[in-house]
Amino acid sequence: MKKGIILYVFVISLLCSCGGVKSKYEQEARVRAVVAAQALIETDHKDMIKMEEMILDAKAVQSEYLLMGDTVAAQSFDIAFREYLAVNDSLLAKEIFK
């Protein structure tokens, strides 16, 4: 229940923080990043193959925005993904982004 509340609050804060939306898909990208980051956190950290798969899945979502030519949405995805990991699993974030 607590994780659900944290996710809800985080998504709402992301949606409210984008006052000057620069991209049609920026908000969507942020929400998808949070979902991808939460799925990664919930994955068994000892299962390295599954962890790699989850990271590749997240990168694939980010790549969708790049393929559309929407670099703003791709960057928003990256920022939201990194921030969510940093806040909710700082050890994992340090390991991935070192």
Protein backbone atom coordinates (compact mmCIF):
# COMPACT_ATOMS: atom_id res chain seq x y z
CA MET A 1 0.00 0.00 0.00
CA LYS A 2 2.80 2.42 0.90
CA LYS A 3 4.55 1.86 -2.46
CA GLY A 4 1.30 2.63 -4.27
CA ILE A 5 0.90 5.89 -2.38
CA ILE A 6 4.52 6.88 -3.05
CA LEU A 7 4.07 6.14 -6.76
CA TYR A 8 0.82 8.11 -6.87
CA VAL A 9 2.34 11.15 -5.13
CA PHE A 10 5.45 11.01 -7.31
CA VAL A 11 3.42 10.84 -10.55
CA ILE A 12 1.16 13.69 -9.47
CA SER A 13 4.15 15.84 -8.53
CA LEU A 14 5.73 15.14 -11.90
CA LEU A 15 2.57 16.07 -13.73
CA CYS A 16 2.15 19.29 -11.77
CA SER A 17 5.78 20.34 -12.15
CA CYS A 18 5.73 20.70 -15.91
CA GLY A 19 4.34 24.21 -16.14
CA GLY A 20 5.69 24.98 -19.61
CA VAL A 21 5.18 21.71 -21.47
CA LYS A 22 7.59 21.66 -24.40
CA SER A 23 6.56 18.34 -25.85
CA LYS A 24 3.32 16.62 -26.66
CA TYR A 25 4.64 13.46 -24.96
CA GLU A 26 6.67 14.89 -22.08
CA GLN A 27 4.18 14.10 -19.32
CA GLU A 28 3.51 10.64 -20.73
CA ALA A 29 7.25 9.97 -20.83
CA ARG A 30 7.63 10.92 -17.18
CA VAL A 31 4.81 8.66 -16.09
CA ARG A 32 6.19 5.76 -18.14
CA ALA A 33 9.62 6.37 -16.60
CA VAL A 34 8.22 6.12 -13.08
CA VAL A 35 6.41 2.89 -13.96
CA ALA A 36 9.60 1.45 -15.48
CA ALA A 37 11.71 2.51 -12.49
CA GLN A 38 9.23 1.06 -10.04
CA ALA A 39 9.20 -2.24 -11.95
CA LEU A 40 12.99 -2.31 -11.83
CA ILE A 41 13.03 -1.68 -8.08
CA GLU A 42 10.50 -4.46 -7.52
CA THR A 43 12.61 -6.95 -9.49
CA ASP A 44 14.69 -9.42 -7.48
CA HIS A 45 18.08 -7.69 -7.38
CA LYS A 46 19.84 -11.07 -7.32
CA ASP A 47 18.35 -11.99 -10.71
CA MET A 48 20.84 -10.12 -12.88
CA ILE A 49 19.31 -11.31 -16.15
CA LYS A 50 15.89 -9.99 -15.15
CA MET A 51 17.45 -6.72 -13.95
CA GLU A 52 19.19 -6.28 -17.32
CA GLU A 53 15.94 -7.07 -19.11
CA MET A 54 14.10 -4.41 -17.10
CA ILE A 55 16.78 -1.82 -17.86
CA LEU A 56 16.66 -2.69 -21.57
CA ASP A 57 12.86 -2.41 -21.50
CA ALA A 58 13.17 1.06 -19.98
CA LYS A 59 15.71 2.09 -22.63
CA ALA A 60 13.35 0.77 -25.33
CA VAL A 61 10.56 3.00 -24.04
CA GLN A 62 12.91 5.98 -24.03
CA SER A 63 13.98 5.10 -27.58
CA GLU A 64 10.37 5.31 -28.76
CA TYR A 65 10.48 9.05 -28.10
CA LEU A 66 13.83 9.39 -29.86
CA LEU A 67 12.47 7.56 -32.90
CA MET A 68 9.58 10.04 -33.00
CA GLY A 69 12.16 12.83 -32.90
CA ASP A 70 10.96 14.03 -29.50
CA THR A 71 14.20 14.60 -27.62
CA VAL A 72 12.41 16.57 -24.91
CA ALA A 73 10.24 13.57 -24.02
CA ALA A 74 13.26 11.24 -24.18
CA GLN A 75 15.19 13.50 -21.83
CA SER A 76 12.18 13.82 -19.51
CA PHE A 77 11.97 10.03 -19.40
CA ASP A 78 15.64 9.77 -18.47
CA ILE A 79 15.44 12.42 -15.77
CA ALA A 80 12.28 10.98 -14.19
CA PHE A 81 13.70 7.43 -14.31
CA ARG A 82 16.94 8.49 -12.62
CA GLU A 83 15.19 10.65 -10.01
CA TYR A 84 12.71 7.95 -9.08
CA LEU A 85 15.51 5.41 -8.63
CA ALA A 86 17.61 7.88 -6.64
CA VAL A 87 14.75 8.60 -4.26
CA ASN A 88 13.40 5.06 -3.89
CA ASP A 89 16.50 2.85 -4.22
CA SER A 90 19.63 4.97 -3.98
CA LEU A 91 21.98 1.95 -3.89
CA LEU A 92 20.58 0.63 -7.15
CA ALA A 93 20.74 4.07 -8.72
CA LYS A 94 24.39 4.45 -7.72
CA GLU A 95 25.19 1.03 -9.16
CA ILE A 96 23.47 1.70 -12.48
CA PHE A 97 24.57 5.30 -13.00
CA LYS A 98 28.11 5.24 -11.64
